[in-house]
Amino acid sequence: MKTTLALIAAVGLAVPAAAMPADAVPYSVSVKYSDLNLDTPEGLARLERRIDMASREVCGFERVVTGTRIRSSEINACRDKVKAKAMAHIAAVREEQARGG
């Protein structure tokens, strides 16, 4: 069983096209969960927090944009998409473990 989860976001989802460099590449962050018991609500909550923090990093959620404090809809959409993919992956891992895999 893998004990890390790679969160990857295409830079195009997080940055408007005008601000994106031509040679932009996807950015990824690994989220370790080998120390968590995913069979408990506490373990799942801790993993969700880790995924949330990683999605913020991957999508540039904390990036300061001059002239506004409002996050772009692209950044919010990126974060939502990355979190959904990560949680779907975790659900698949848990299902496989439940079947004895």
C-alpha atoms as a PDB file:
ATOM      1  CA  MET A   1       0.000   0.000   0.000  1.00  0.00           C
ATOM      2  CA  LYS A   2       1.248   3.443  -0.840  1.00  0.00           C
ATOM      3  CA  THR A   3       1.554   5.706   2.146  1.00  0.00           C
ATOM      4  CA  THR A   4       1.877   9.004   0.360  1.00  0.00           C
ATOM      5  CA  LEU A   5      -0.476  10.779  -1.954  1.00  0.00           C
ATOM      6  CA  ALA A   6       0.783  13.093  -4.667  1.00  0.00           C
ATOM      7  CA  LEU A   7      -1.385  16.124  -5.246  1.00  0.00           C
ATOM      8  CA  ILE A   8      -0.833  17.577  -8.678  1.00  0.00           C
ATOM      9  CA  ALA A   9      -2.415  20.617 -10.250  1.00  0.00           C
ATOM     10  CA  ALA A  10      -1.874  21.896 -13.727  1.00  0.00           C
ATOM     11  CA  VAL A  11      -0.535  25.406 -13.422  1.00  0.00           C
ATOM     12  CA  GLY A  12      -3.125  26.451 -15.984  1.00  0.00           C
ATOM     13  CA  LEU A  13      -5.897  25.777 -13.486  1.00  0.00           C
ATOM     14  CA  ALA A  14      -4.334  27.982 -10.857  1.00  0.00           C
ATOM     15  CA  VAL A  15      -2.997  30.900 -12.861  1.00  0.00           C
ATOM     16  CA  PRO A  16      -4.746  33.008 -15.487  1.00  0.00           C
ATOM     17  CA  ALA A  17      -3.353  32.431 -18.993  1.00  0.00           C
ATOM     18  CA  ALA A  18      -1.836  35.905 -19.261  1.00  0.00           C
ATOM     19  CA  ALA A  19       0.234  35.376 -16.108  1.00  0.00           C
ATOM     20  CA  MET A  20       1.336  31.806 -16.895  1.00  0.00           C
ATOM     21  CA  PRO A  21       4.840  31.269 -18.292  1.00  0.00           C
ATOM     22  CA  ALA A  22       5.082  29.391 -21.595  1.00  0.00           C
ATOM     23  CA  ASP A  23       7.179  26.615 -20.045  1.00  0.00           C
ATOM     24  CA  ALA A  24       4.905  26.060 -17.034  1.00  0.00           C
ATOM     25  CA  VAL A  25       4.833  22.530 -15.651  1.00  0.00           C
ATOM     26  CA  PRO A  26       2.477  20.859 -13.170  1.00  0.00           C
ATOM     27  CA  TYR A  27       3.413  21.189  -9.506  1.00  0.00           C
ATOM     28  CA  SER A  28       2.983  18.399  -6.989  1.00  0.00           C
ATOM     29  CA  VAL A  29       3.104  17.908  -3.245  1.00  0.00           C
ATOM     30  CA  SER A  30       3.236  14.583  -1.413  1.00  0.00           C
ATOM     31  CA  VAL A  31       0.941  13.977   1.530  1.00  0.00           C
ATOM     32  CA  LYS A  32       2.096  11.290   3.940  1.00  0.00           C
ATOM     33  CA  TYR A  33      -0.552   9.253   5.714  1.00  0.00           C
ATOM     34  CA  SER A  34       1.266   6.126   6.885  1.00  0.00           C
ATOM     35  CA  ASP A  35       1.098   7.423  10.456  1.00  0.00           C
ATOM     36  CA  LEU A  36      -2.703   7.764  10.373  1.00  0.00           C
ATOM     37  CA  ASN A  37      -5.403   5.207  11.069  1.00  0.00           C
ATOM     38  CA  LEU A  38      -7.865   5.813   8.250  1.00  0.00           C
ATOM     39  CA  ASP A  39     -10.416   3.570   9.953  1.00  0.00           C
ATOM     40  CA  THR A  40     -11.104   6.247  12.564  1.00  0.00           C
ATOM     41  CA  PRO A  41     -12.866   9.602  12.160  1.00  0.00           C
ATOM     42  CA  GLU A  42      -9.846  11.307  13.749  1.00  0.00           C
ATOM     43  CA  GLY A  43      -7.424   9.753  11.268  1.00  0.00           C
ATOM     44  CA  LEU A  44      -9.586  10.767   8.325  1.00  0.00           C
ATOM     45  CA  ALA A  45      -9.986  14.301   9.685  1.00  0.00           C
ATOM     46  CA  ARG A  46      -6.213  14.680  10.038  1.00  0.00           C
ATOM     47  CA  LEU A  47      -5.723  13.413   6.469  1.00  0.00           C
ATOM     48  CA  GLU A  48      -8.345  15.846   5.170  1.00  0.00           C
ATOM     49  CA  ARG A  49      -6.498  18.710   6.893  1.00  0.00           C
ATOM     50  CA  ARG A  50      -3.217  17.595   5.308  1.00  0.00           C
ATOM     51  CA  ILE A  51      -4.878  17.374   1.897  1.00  0.00           C
ATOM     52  CA  ASP A  52      -6.382  20.832   2.389  1.00  0.00           C
ATOM     53  CA  MET A  53      -2.983  22.320   3.251  1.00  0.00           C
ATOM     54  CA  ALA A  54      -1.328  20.589   0.294  1.00  0.00           C
ATOM     55  CA  SER A  55      -4.060  21.732  -2.093  1.00  0.00           C
ATOM     56  CA  ARG A  56      -3.520  25.314  -0.935  1.00  0.00           C
ATOM     57  CA  GLU A  57       0.181  24.998  -1.703  1.00  0.00           C
ATOM     58  CA  VAL A  58      -0.311  23.288  -5.051  1.00  0.00           C
ATOM     59  CA  CYS A  59      -2.879  25.787  -6.278  1.00  0.00           C
ATOM     60  CA  GLY A  60      -1.219  28.951  -4.977  1.00  0.00           C
ATOM     61  CA  PHE A  61      -4.013  29.674  -2.512  1.00  0.00           C
ATOM     62  CA  GLU A  62      -1.793  31.816  -0.295  1.00  0.00           C
ATOM     63  CA  ARG A  63      -0.211  33.734  -3.180  1.00  0.00           C
ATOM     64  CA  VAL A  64      -0.645  37.471  -2.769  1.00  0.00           C
ATOM     65  CA  VAL A  65      -1.886  39.273  -5.860  1.00  0.00           C
ATOM     66  CA  THR A  66      -1.220  42.992  -5.929  1.00  0.00           C
ATOM     67  CA  GLY A  67      -4.375  45.068  -5.912  1.00  0.00           C
ATOM     68  CA  THR A  68      -6.811  42.556  -4.451  1.00  0.00           C
ATOM     69  CA  ARG A  69      -7.395  40.276  -1.509  1.00  0.00           C
ATOM     70  CA  ILE A  70      -9.980  38.244  -3.372  1.00  0.00           C
ATOM     71  CA  ARG A  71      -8.779  34.868  -4.604  1.00  0.00           C
ATOM     72  CA  SER A  72      -9.423  34.158  -8.242  1.00  0.00           C
ATOM     73  CA  SER A  73     -12.075  31.666  -9.216  1.00  0.00           C
ATOM     74  CA  GLU A  74      -9.336  29.635 -10.947  1.00  0.00           C
ATOM     75  CA  ILE A  75      -7.473  29.178  -7.668  1.00  0.00           C
ATOM     76  CA  ASN A  76     -10.647  28.166  -5.842  1.00  0.00           C
ATOM     77  CA  ALA A  77     -11.588  25.746  -8.649  1.00  0.00           C
ATOM     78  CA  CYS A  78      -8.086  24.259  -8.640  1.00  0.00           C
ATOM     79  CA  ARG A  79      -8.200  23.714  -4.899  1.00  0.00           C
ATOM     80  CA  ASP A  80     -11.638  22.087  -5.057  1.00  0.00           C
ATOM     81  CA  LYS A  81     -10.584  19.819  -7.926  1.00  0.00           C
ATOM     82  CA  VAL A  82      -7.326  18.742  -6.271  1.00  0.00           C
ATOM     83  CA  LYS A  83      -9.085  17.988  -2.963  1.00  0.00           C
ATOM     84  CA  ALA A  84     -11.811  15.984  -4.717  1.00  0.00           C
ATOM     85  CA  LYS A  85      -9.257  13.902  -6.633  1.00  0.00           C
ATOM     86  CA  ALA A  86      -7.228  13.249  -3.488  1.00  0.00           C
ATOM     87  CA  MET A  87     -10.268  12.180  -1.477  1.00  0.00           C
ATOM     88  CA  ALA A  88     -11.412   9.902  -4.322  1.00  0.00           C
ATOM     89  CA  HIS A  89      -7.962   8.293  -4.300  1.00  0.00           C
ATOM     90  CA  ILE A  90      -8.132   7.771  -0.541  1.00  0.00           C
ATOM     91  CA  ALA A  91     -11.621   6.254  -0.856  1.00  0.00           C
ATOM     92  CA  ALA A  92     -10.282   3.805  -3.475  1.00  0.00           C
ATOM     93  CA  VAL A  93      -7.340   2.855  -1.231  1.00  0.00           C
ATOM     94  CA  ARG A  94      -9.661   2.260   1.720  1.00  0.00           C
ATOM     95  CA  GLU A  95     -12.005   0.172  -0.399  1.00  0.00           C
ATOM     96  CA  GLU A  96      -9.110  -1.949  -1.649  1.00  0.00           C
ATOM     97  CA  GLN A  97      -7.905  -2.458   1.931  1.00  0.00           C
ATOM     98  CA  ALA A  98     -11.411  -3.479   3.017  1.00  0.00           C
ATOM     99  CA  ARG A  99     -11.398  -6.177   0.336  1.00  0.00           C
ATOM    100  CA  GLY A 100      -8.072  -7.457   1.667  1.00  0.00           C
ATOM    101  CA  GLY A 101      -5.823  -5.860  -0.977  1.00  0.00           C
END
